[in-house]
Amino acid sequence: MPFEPVLLDHTFTAPVGVDVKGDTWPCVEVPGARELFGSLRAVRVDATVDDVALRNVGLMPTGSGGLMLSLNAGVRKRLGKDVGDTVVVRLERRLS
């Protein structure tokens, strides 16, 4: 049975940088992910980070009880942001 997309309107501010196995990854942790999604399995979403639209991107488990959105080098360049900077994230739609 295919998953029907679910509208979300979840906005938060967070720093870029998630500790994963002792390294800081250029990701943003989603606060309250378990409550928002009902589990901590990977999910696909449409999101906006600052003013940059990201479509069909994955939220991955952090390994420490959360989910994170990866910001690759191209996205960080468009944002003008890097690890340690703060961004505003809006999760718009759950796709999986």
PDB file of N, CA and C in Angstrom:
ATOM      1  N   MET A   1       0.840  -1.181   0.000  1.00  0.00           N
ATOM      2  CA  MET A   1       0.000   0.000   0.000  1.00  0.00           C
ATOM      3  C   MET A   1       0.886   1.247   0.000  1.00  0.00           C
ATOM      4  N   PRO A   2       0.765   2.110  -0.995  1.00  0.00           N
ATOM      5  CA  PRO A   2       1.616   3.301  -1.075  1.00  0.00           C
ATOM      6  C   PRO A   2       1.299   4.299   0.035  1.00  0.00           C
ATOM      7  N   PHE A   3       2.320   5.043   0.423  1.00  0.00           N
ATOM      8  CA  PHE A   3       2.178   6.059   1.459  1.00  0.00           C
ATOM      9  C   PHE A   3       1.567   7.314   0.852  1.00  0.00           C
ATOM     10  N   GLU A   4       0.556   7.846   1.487  1.00  0.00           N
ATOM     11  CA  GLU A   4      -0.051   9.107   1.054  1.00  0.00           C
ATOM     12  C   GLU A   4       0.683  10.262   1.732  1.00  0.00           C
ATOM     13  N   PRO A   5       1.172  11.244   0.979  1.00  0.00           N
ATOM     14  CA  PRO A   5       1.853  12.387   1.587  1.00  0.00           C
ATOM     15  C   PRO A   5       0.976  13.065   2.638  1.00  0.00           C
ATOM     16  N   VAL A   6       1.631  13.540   3.689  1.00  0.00           N
ATOM     17  CA  VAL A   6       0.952  14.188   4.803  1.00  0.00           C
ATOM     18  C   VAL A   6       1.504  15.602   4.933  1.00  0.00           C
ATOM     19  N   LEU A   7       0.606  16.585   4.955  1.00  0.00           N
ATOM     20  CA  LEU A   7       1.044  17.969   5.141  1.00  0.00           C
ATOM     21  C   LEU A   7       1.565  18.158   6.557  1.00  0.00           C
ATOM     22  N   LEU A   8       2.667  18.864   6.666  1.00  0.00           N
ATOM     23  CA  LEU A   8       3.258  19.230   7.949  1.00  0.00           C
ATOM     24  C   LEU A   8       3.363  20.747   7.978  1.00  0.00           C
ATOM     25  N   ASP A   9       3.403  21.304   9.140  1.00  0.00           N
ATOM     26  CA  ASP A   9       3.717  22.724   9.278  1.00  0.00           C
ATOM     27  C   ASP A   9       4.534  22.846  10.549  1.00  0.00           C
ATOM     28  N   HIS A  10       5.755  22.355  10.470  1.00  0.00           N
ATOM     29  CA  HIS A  10       6.631  22.278  11.637  1.00  0.00           C
ATOM     30  C   HIS A  10       7.863  23.128  11.358  1.00  0.00           C
ATOM     31  N   THR A  11       7.992  24.237  12.075  1.00  0.00           N
ATOM     32  CA  THR A  11       9.104  25.160  11.868  1.00  0.00           C
ATOM     33  C   THR A  11       9.941  25.231  13.133  1.00  0.00           C
ATOM     34  N   PHE A  12      11.251  25.236  12.959  1.00  0.00           N
ATOM     35  CA  PHE A  12      12.154  25.334  14.105  1.00  0.00           C
ATOM     36  C   PHE A  12      13.456  26.009  13.673  1.00  0.00           C
ATOM     37  N   THR A  13      14.163  26.523  14.642  1.00  0.00           N
ATOM     38  CA  THR A  13      15.473  27.126  14.430  1.00  0.00           C
ATOM     39  C   THR A  13      16.502  26.237  15.109  1.00  0.00           C
ATOM     40  N   ALA A  14      17.597  25.954  14.408  1.00  0.00           N
ATOM     41  CA  ALA A  14      18.613  25.065  14.963  1.00  0.00           C
ATOM     42  C   ALA A  14      19.967  25.357  14.329  1.00  0.00           C
ATOM     43  N   PRO A  15      21.027  24.974  15.030  1.00  0.00           N
ATOM     44  CA  PRO A  15      22.359  25.138  14.448  1.00  0.00           C
ATOM     45  C   PRO A  15      22.656  24.036  13.444  1.00  0.00           C
ATOM     46  N   VAL A  16      23.493  24.352  12.483  1.00  0.00           N
ATOM     47  CA  VAL A  16      24.018  23.333  11.573  1.00  0.00           C
ATOM     48  C   VAL A  16      25.154  22.643  12.317  1.00  0.00           C
ATOM     49  N   GLY A  17      25.056  21.327  12.420  1.00  0.00           N
ATOM     50  CA  GLY A  17      26.103  20.556  13.086  1.00  0.00           C
ATOM     51  C   GLY A  17      25.504  19.556  14.046  1.00  0.00           C
ATOM     52  N   VAL A  18      25.646  18.277  13.714  1.00  0.00           N
ATOM     53  CA  VAL A  18      25.154  17.192  14.555  1.00  0.00           C
ATOM     54  C   VAL A  18      26.328  16.267  14.839  1.00  0.00           C
ATOM     55  N   ASP A  19      26.516  15.937  16.132  1.00  0.00           N
ATOM     56  CA  ASP A  19      27.584  15.021  16.515  1.00  0.00           C
ATOM     57  C   ASP A  19      27.178  13.595  16.168  1.00  0.00           C
ATOM     58  N   VAL A  20      27.962  12.949  15.313  1.00  0.00           N
ATOM     59  CA  VAL A  20      27.728  11.562  14.920  1.00  0.00           C
ATOM     60  C   VAL A  20      29.037  10.806  15.114  1.00  0.00           C
ATOM     61  N   LYS A  21      29.043   9.928  16.099  1.00  0.00           N
ATOM     62  CA  LYS A  21      30.223   9.088  16.380  1.00  0.00           C
ATOM     63  C   LYS A  21      31.493   9.918  16.546  1.00  0.00           C
ATOM     64  N   GLY A  22      31.376  11.048  17.235  1.00  0.00           N
ATOM     65  CA  GLY A  22      32.540  11.872  17.520  1.00  0.00           C
ATOM     66  C   GLY A  22      32.903  12.895  16.459  1.00  0.00           C
ATOM     67  N   ASP A  23      32.221  12.874  15.331  1.00  0.00           N
ATOM     68  CA  ASP A  23      32.448  13.860  14.274  1.00  0.00           C
ATOM     69  C   ASP A  23      31.236  14.780  14.172  1.00  0.00           C
ATOM     70  N   THR A  24      31.453  16.020  13.756  1.00  0.00           N
ATOM     71  CA  THR A  24      30.348  16.947  13.535  1.00  0.00           C
ATOM     72  C   THR A  24      29.986  16.928  12.062  1.00  0.00           C
ATOM     73  N   TRP A  25      28.759  16.503  11.789  1.00  0.00           N
ATOM     74  CA  TRP A  25      28.267  16.426  10.408  1.00  0.00           C
ATOM     75  C   TRP A  25      27.478  17.687  10.081  1.00  0.00           C
ATOM     76  N   PRO A  26      27.500  18.148   8.816  1.00  0.00           N
ATOM     77  CA  PRO A  26      26.750  19.345   8.415  1.00  0.00           C
ATOM     78  C   PRO A  26      25.261  19.028   8.226  1.00  0.00           C
ATOM     79  N   CYS A  27      24.611  18.792   9.344  1.00  0.00           N
ATOM     80  CA  CYS A  27      23.196  18.412   9.372  1.00  0.00           C
ATOM     81  C   CYS A  27      22.482  19.273  10.391  1.00  0.00           C
ATOM     82  N   VAL A  28      21.160  19.232  10.355  1.00  0.00           N
ATOM     83  CA  VAL A  28      20.329  19.921  11.334  1.00  0.00           C
ATOM     84  C   VAL A  28      19.454  18.878  12.006  1.00  0.00           C
ATOM     85  N   GLU A  29      19.503  18.820  13.336  1.00  0.00           N
ATOM     86  CA  GLU A  29      18.679  17.859  14.068  1.00  0.00           C
ATOM     87  C   GLU A  29      17.252  18.388  14.204  1.00  0.00           C
ATOM     88  N   VAL A  30      16.282  17.505  13.987  1.00  0.00           N
ATOM     89  CA  VAL A  30      14.864  17.851  14.086  1.00  0.00           C
ATOM     90  C   VAL A  30      14.422  17.646  15.531  1.00  0.00           C
ATOM     91  N   PRO A  31      14.081  18.721  16.255  1.00  0.00           N
ATOM     92  CA  PRO A  31      13.625  18.547  17.633  1.00  0.00           C
ATOM     93  C   PRO A  31      12.258  17.865  17.667  1.00  0.00           C
ATOM     94  N   GLY A  32      12.076  16.966  18.629  1.00  0.00           N
ATOM     95  CA  GLY A  32      10.787  16.294  18.788  1.00  0.00           C
ATOM     96  C   GLY A  32      10.442  15.358  17.647  1.00  0.00           C
ATOM     97  N   ALA A  33      11.451  14.789  16.995  1.00  0.00           N
ATOM     98  CA  ALA A  33      11.209  13.947  15.810  1.00  0.00           C
ATOM     99  C   ALA A  33      10.331  12.741  16.123  1.00  0.00           C
ATOM    100  N   ARG A  34      10.565  12.093  17.260  1.00  0.00           N
ATOM    101  CA  ARG A  34       9.761  10.910  17.601  1.00  0.00           C
ATOM    102  C   ARG A  34       8.283  11.282  17.723  1.00  0.00           C
ATOM    103  N   GLU A  35       7.997  12.384  18.374  1.00  0.00           N
ATOM    104  CA  GLU A  35       6.610  12.817  18.540  1.00  0.00           C
ATOM    105  C   GLU A  35       6.008  13.236  17.201  1.00  0.00           C
ATOM    106  N   LEU A  36       6.786  13.884  16.378  1.00  0.00           N
ATOM    107  CA  LEU A  36       6.301  14.389  15.097  1.00  0.00           C
ATOM    108  C   LEU A  36       6.009  13.263  14.110  1.00  0.00           C
ATOM    109  N   PHE A  37       6.899  12.268  14.042  1.00  0.00           N
ATOM    110  CA  PHE A  37       6.772  11.212  13.034  1.00  0.00           C
ATOM    111  C   PHE A  37       6.315   9.867  13.595  1.00  0.00           C
ATOM    112  N   GLY A  38       6.271   9.723  14.908  1.00  0.00           N
ATOM    113  CA  GLY A  38       5.809   8.474  15.508  1.00  0.00           C
ATOM    114  C   GLY A  38       6.871   7.398  15.596  1.00  0.00           C
ATOM    115  N   SER A  39       8.050   7.653  15.075  1.00  0.00           N
ATOM    116  CA  SER A  39       9.170   6.717  15.175  1.00  0.00           C
ATOM    117  C   SER A  39      10.437   7.480  14.816  1.00  0.00           C
ATOM    118  N   LEU A  40      11.541   6.766  14.844  1.00  0.00           N
ATOM    119  CA  LEU A  40      12.811   7.385  14.457  1.00  0.00           C
ATOM    120  C   LEU A  40      13.405   6.707  13.230  1.00  0.00           C
ATOM    121  N   ARG A  41      12.537   6.142  12.404  1.00  0.00           N
ATOM    122  CA  ARG A  41      12.986   5.585  11.126  1.00  0.00           C
ATOM    123  C   ARG A  41      13.177   6.725  10.127  1.00  0.00           C
ATOM    124  N   ALA A  42      14.016   6.492   9.138  1.00  0.00           N
ATOM    125  CA  ALA A  42      14.250   7.494   8.096  1.00  0.00           C
ATOM    126  C   ALA A  42      12.936   7.817   7.384  1.00  0.00           C
ATOM    127  N   VAL A  43      12.725   9.086   7.087  1.00  0.00           N
ATOM    128  CA  VAL A  43      11.539   9.528   6.343  1.00  0.00           C
ATOM    129  C   VAL A  43      11.978  10.520   5.267  1.00  0.00           C
ATOM    130  N   ARG A  44      11.153  10.670   4.250  1.00  0.00           N
ATOM    131  CA  ARG A  44      11.409  11.647   3.191  1.00  0.00           C
ATOM    132  C   ARG A  44      10.412  12.787   3.354  1.00  0.00           C
ATOM    133  N   VAL A  45      10.900  14.016   3.139  1.00  0.00           N
ATOM    134  CA  VAL A  45      10.079  15.201   3.339  1.00  0.00           C
ATOM    135  C   VAL A  45      10.382  16.248   2.275  1.00  0.00           C
ATOM    136  N   ASP A  46       9.468  17.199   2.152  1.00  0.00           N
ATOM    137  CA  ASP A  46       9.739  18.469   1.489  1.00  0.00           C
ATOM    138  C   ASP A  46       9.996  19.467   2.606  1.00  0.00           C
ATOM    139  N   ALA A  47      11.021  20.286   2.449  1.00  0.00           N
ATOM    140  CA  ALA A  47      11.380  21.230   3.500  1.00  0.00           C
ATOM    141  C   ALA A  47      11.902  22.517   2.880  1.00  0.00           C
ATOM    142  N   THR A  48      11.940  23.559   3.696  1.00  0.00           N
ATOM    143  CA  THR A  48      12.594  24.804   3.334  1.00  0.00           C
ATOM    144  C   THR A  48      13.584  25.127   4.437  1.00  0.00           C
ATOM    145  N   VAL A  49      14.813  25.427   4.056  1.00  0.00           N
ATOM    146  CA  VAL A  49      15.840  25.839   5.007  1.00  0.00           C
ATOM    147  C   VAL A  49      16.176  27.283   4.660  1.00  0.00           C
ATOM    148  N   ASP A  50      15.935  28.184   5.618  1.00  0.00           N
ATOM    149  CA  ASP A  50      15.958  29.618   5.348  1.00  0.00           C
ATOM    150  C   ASP A  50      15.060  29.844   4.126  1.00  0.00           C
ATOM    151  N   ASP A  51      15.579  30.275   3.009  1.00  0.00           N
ATOM    152  CA  ASP A  51      14.724  30.479   1.831  1.00  0.00           C
ATOM    153  C   ASP A  51      14.987  29.463   0.725  1.00  0.00           C
ATOM    154  N   VAL A  52      15.703  28.392   1.042  1.00  0.00           N
ATOM    155  CA  VAL A  52      16.063  27.382   0.044  1.00  0.00           C
ATOM    156  C   VAL A  52      15.123  26.185   0.157  1.00  0.00           C
ATOM    157  N   ALA A  53      14.390  25.910  -0.927  1.00  0.00           N
ATOM    158  CA  ALA A  53      13.456  24.777  -0.954  1.00  0.00           C
ATOM    159  C   ALA A  53      14.222  23.488  -1.216  1.00  0.00           C
ATOM    160  N   LEU A  54      13.934  22.477  -0.421  1.00  0.00           N
ATOM    161  CA  LEU A  54      14.513  21.144  -0.592  1.00  0.00           C
ATOM    162  C   LEU A  54      13.360  20.179  -0.797  1.00  0.00           C
ATOM    163  N   ARG A  55      13.369  19.462  -1.891  1.00  0.00           N
ATOM    164  CA  ARG A  55      12.266  18.568  -2.229  1.00  0.00           C
ATOM    165  C   ARG A  55      12.708  17.118  -2.156  1.00  0.00           C
ATOM    166  N   ASN A  56      11.863  16.296  -1.543  1.00  0.00           N
ATOM    167  CA  ASN A  56      12.071  14.850  -1.448  1.00  0.00           C
ATOM    168  C   ASN A  56      13.446  14.528  -0.858  1.00  0.00           C
ATOM    169  N   VAL A  57      13.725  15.125   0.293  1.00  0.00           N
ATOM    170  CA  VAL A  57      14.992  14.891   0.984  1.00  0.00           C
ATOM    171  C   VAL A  57      14.767  13.958   2.166  1.00  0.00           C
ATOM    172  N   GLY A  58      15.808  13.251   2.542  1.00  0.00           N
ATOM    173  CA  GLY A  58      15.696  12.287   3.625  1.00  0.00           C
ATOM    174  C   GLY A  58      16.076  12.867   4.971  1.00  0.00           C
ATOM    175  N   LEU A  59      15.298  12.488   5.990  1.00  0.00           N
ATOM    176  CA  LEU A  59      15.690  12.709   7.375  1.00  0.00           C
ATOM    177  C   LEU A  59      16.245  11.383   7.857  1.00  0.00           C
ATOM    178  N   MET A  60      17.480  11.390   8.335  1.00  0.00           N
ATOM    179  CA  MET A  60      18.171  10.165   8.724  1.00  0.00           C
ATOM    180  C   MET A  60      18.293  10.082  10.239  1.00  0.00           C
ATOM    181  N   PRO A  61      18.312   8.858  10.781  1.00  0.00           N
ATOM    182  CA  PRO A  61      18.550   8.707  12.219  1.00  0.00           C
ATOM    183  C   PRO A  61      19.927   9.249  12.603  1.00  0.00           C
ATOM    184  N   THR A  62      19.978   9.901  13.760  1.00  0.00           N
ATOM    185  CA  THR A  62      21.243  10.452  14.250  1.00  0.00           C
ATOM    186  C   THR A  62      22.109   9.391  14.916  1.00  0.00           C
ATOM    187  N   GLY A  63      21.485   8.313  15.347  1.00  0.00           N
ATOM    188  CA  GLY A  63      22.213   7.302  16.110  1.00  0.00           C
ATOM    189  C   GLY A  63      22.150   7.561  17.599  1.00  0.00           C
ATOM    190  N   SER A  64      21.578   8.709  17.980  1.00  0.00           N
ATOM    191  CA  SER A  64      21.455   9.032  19.403  1.00  0.00           C
ATOM    192  C   SER A  64      20.018   9.402  19.764  1.00  0.00           C
ATOM    193  N   GLY A  65      19.064   8.877  18.994  1.00  0.00           N
ATOM    194  CA  GLY A  65      17.662   9.078  19.338  1.00  0.00           C
ATOM    195  C   GLY A  65      17.000  10.264  18.678  1.00  0.00           C
ATOM    196  N   GLY A  66      17.400  10.617  17.487  1.00  0.00           N
ATOM    197  CA  GLY A  66      16.771  11.720  16.775  1.00  0.00           C
ATOM    198  C   GLY A  66      16.834  11.511  15.274  1.00  0.00           C
ATOM    199  N   LEU A  67      16.350  12.510  14.539  1.00  0.00           N
ATOM    200  CA  LEU A  67      16.447  12.520  13.080  1.00  0.00           C
ATOM    201  C   LEU A  67      17.154  13.802  12.664  1.00  0.00           C
ATOM    202  N   MET A  68      17.879  13.735  11.551  1.00  0.00           N
ATOM    203  CA  MET A  68      18.617  14.906  11.077  1.00  0.00           C
ATOM    204  C   MET A  68      18.452  15.072   9.577  1.00  0.00           C
ATOM    205  N   LEU A  69      18.511  16.324   9.162  1.00  0.00           N
ATOM    206  CA  LEU A  69      18.449  16.717   7.759  1.00  0.00           C
ATOM    207  C   LEU A  69      19.856  17.102   7.321  1.00  0.00           C
ATOM    208  N   SER A  70      20.391  16.389   6.341  1.00  0.00           N
ATOM    209  CA  SER A  70      21.733  16.671   5.844  1.00  0.00           C
ATOM    210  C   SER A  70      21.712  17.891   4.923  1.00  0.00           C
ATOM    211  N   LEU A  71      22.697  18.755   5.081  1.00  0.00           N
ATOM    212  CA  LEU A  71      22.858  19.924   4.214  1.00  0.00           C
ATOM    213  C   LEU A  71      24.166  19.748   3.452  1.00  0.00           C
ATOM    214  N   ASN A  72      24.065  19.289   2.202  1.00  0.00           N
ATOM    215  CA  ASN A  72      25.280  19.047   1.419  1.00  0.00           C
ATOM    216  C   ASN A  72      25.960  20.369   1.067  1.00  0.00           C
ATOM    217  N   ALA A  73      27.155  20.271   0.495  1.00  0.00           N
ATOM    218  CA  ALA A  73      27.956  21.466   0.201  1.00  0.00           C
ATOM    219  C   ALA A  73      27.226  22.450  -0.704  1.00  0.00           C
ATOM    220  N   GLY A  74      26.490  21.935  -1.695  1.00  0.00           N
ATOM    221  CA  GLY A  74      25.752  22.819  -2.598  1.00  0.00           C
ATOM    222  C   GLY A  74      24.669  23.603  -1.886  1.00  0.00           C
ATOM    223  N   VAL A  75      23.954  22.933  -0.992  1.00  0.00           N
ATOM    224  CA  VAL A  75      22.900  23.608  -0.222  1.00  0.00           C
ATOM    225  C   VAL A  75      23.526  24.627   0.718  1.00  0.00           C
ATOM    226  N   ARG A  76      24.598  24.244   1.413  1.00  0.00           N
ATOM    227  CA  ARG A  76      25.252  25.189   2.328  1.00  0.00           C
ATOM    228  C   ARG A  76      25.761  26.416   1.584  1.00  0.00           C
ATOM    229  N   LYS A  77      26.267  26.224   0.375  1.00  0.00           N
ATOM    230  CA  LYS A  77      26.746  27.362  -0.425  1.00  0.00           C
ATOM    231  C   LYS A  77      25.587  28.285  -0.778  1.00  0.00           C
ATOM    232  N   ARG A  78      24.449  27.702  -1.205  1.00  0.00           N
ATOM    233  CA  ARG A  78      23.268  28.522  -1.533  1.00  0.00           C
ATOM    234  C   ARG A  78      22.768  29.280  -0.309  1.00  0.00           C
ATOM    235  N   LEU A  79      22.878  28.657   0.865  1.00  0.00           N
ATOM    236  CA  LEU A  79      22.444  29.292   2.106  1.00  0.00           C
ATOM    237  C   LEU A  79      23.451  30.324   2.611  1.00  0.00           C
ATOM    238  N   GLY A  80      24.705  30.158   2.216  1.00  0.00           N
ATOM    239  CA  GLY A  80      25.758  30.986   2.792  1.00  0.00           C
ATOM    240  C   GLY A  80      26.011  30.622   4.241  1.00  0.00           C
ATOM    241  N   LYS A  81      25.801  29.346   4.573  1.00  0.00           N
ATOM    242  CA  LYS A  81      25.921  28.882   5.961  1.00  0.00           C
ATOM    243  C   LYS A  81      26.842  27.674   6.018  1.00  0.00           C
ATOM    244  N   ASP A  82      27.386  27.430   7.228  1.00  0.00           N
ATOM    245  CA  ASP A  82      28.229  26.263   7.449  1.00  0.00           C
ATOM    246  C   ASP A  82      28.013  25.782   8.878  1.00  0.00           C
ATOM    247  N   VAL A  83      28.762  24.768   9.264  1.00  0.00           N
ATOM    248  CA  VAL A  83      28.642  24.205  10.607  1.00  0.00           C
ATOM    249  C   VAL A  83      28.820  25.320  11.630  1.00  0.00           C
ATOM    250  N   GLY A  84      27.910  25.364  12.598  1.00  0.00           N
ATOM    251  CA  GLY A  84      27.931  26.383  13.642  1.00  0.00           C
ATOM    252  C   GLY A  84      26.961  27.521  13.401  1.00  0.00           C
ATOM    253  N   ASP A  85      26.545  27.725  12.157  1.00  0.00           N
ATOM    254  CA  ASP A  85      25.564  28.761  11.842  1.00  0.00           C
ATOM    255  C   ASP A  85      24.156  28.258  12.163  1.00  0.00           C
ATOM    256  N   THR A  86      23.239  29.177  12.358  1.00  0.00           N
ATOM    257  CA  THR A  86      21.853  28.841  12.676  1.00  0.00           C
ATOM    258  C   THR A  86      20.980  28.996  11.438  1.00  0.00           C
ATOM    259  N   VAL A  87      20.038  28.067  11.274  1.00  0.00           N
ATOM    260  CA  VAL A  87      19.091  28.115  10.157  1.00  0.00           C
ATOM    261  C   VAL A  87      17.673  27.943  10.684  1.00  0.00           C
ATOM    262  N   VAL A  88      16.707  28.394   9.877  1.00  0.00           N
ATOM    263  CA  VAL A  88      15.289  28.168  10.157  1.00  0.00           C
ATOM    264  C   VAL A  88      14.812  27.100   9.181  1.00  0.00           C
ATOM    265  N   VAL A  89      14.279  26.018   9.727  1.00  0.00           N
ATOM    266  CA  VAL A  89      13.818  24.887   8.923  1.00  0.00           C
ATOM    267  C   VAL A  89      12.306  24.794   9.025  1.00  0.00           C
ATOM    268  N   ARG A  90      11.663  24.615   7.888  1.00  0.00           N
ATOM    269  CA  ARG A  90      10.219  24.365   7.868  1.00  0.00           C
ATOM    270  C   ARG A  90       9.995  23.037   7.162  1.00  0.00           C
ATOM    271  N   LEU A  91       9.481  22.061   7.899  1.00  0.00           N
ATOM    272  CA  LEU A  91       9.103  20.781   7.310  1.00  0.00           C
ATOM    273  C   LEU A  91       7.695  20.955   6.779  1.00  0.00           C
ATOM    274  N   GLU A  92       7.524  20.773   5.474  1.00  0.00           N
ATOM    275  CA  GLU A  92       6.260  21.094   4.816  1.00  0.00           C
ATOM    276  C   GLU A  92       5.379  19.889   4.536  1.00  0.00           C
ATOM    277  N   ARG A  93       6.013  18.778   4.148  1.00  0.00           N
ATOM    278  CA  ARG A  93       5.218  17.616   3.758  1.00  0.00           C
ATOM    279  C   ARG A  93       6.029  16.349   3.984  1.00  0.00           C
ATOM    280  N   ARG A  94       5.392  15.340   4.589  1.00  0.00           N
ATOM    281  CA  ARG A  94       6.008  14.028   4.746  1.00  0.00           C
ATOM    282  C   ARG A  94       5.656  13.195   3.525  1.00  0.00           C
ATOM    283  N   LEU A  95       6.678  12.601   2.902  1.00  0.00           N
ATOM    284  CA  LEU A  95       6.484  11.840   1.668  1.00  0.00           C
ATOM    285  C   LEU A  95       6.592  10.334   1.868  1.00  0.00           C
ATOM    286  N   SER A  96       7.162   9.892   2.988  1.00  0.00           N
ATOM    287  CA  SER A  96       7.271   8.450   3.258  1.00  0.00           C
ATOM    288  C   SER A  96       7.161   8.182   4.739  1.00  0.00           C
TER     289      SER A  96
END
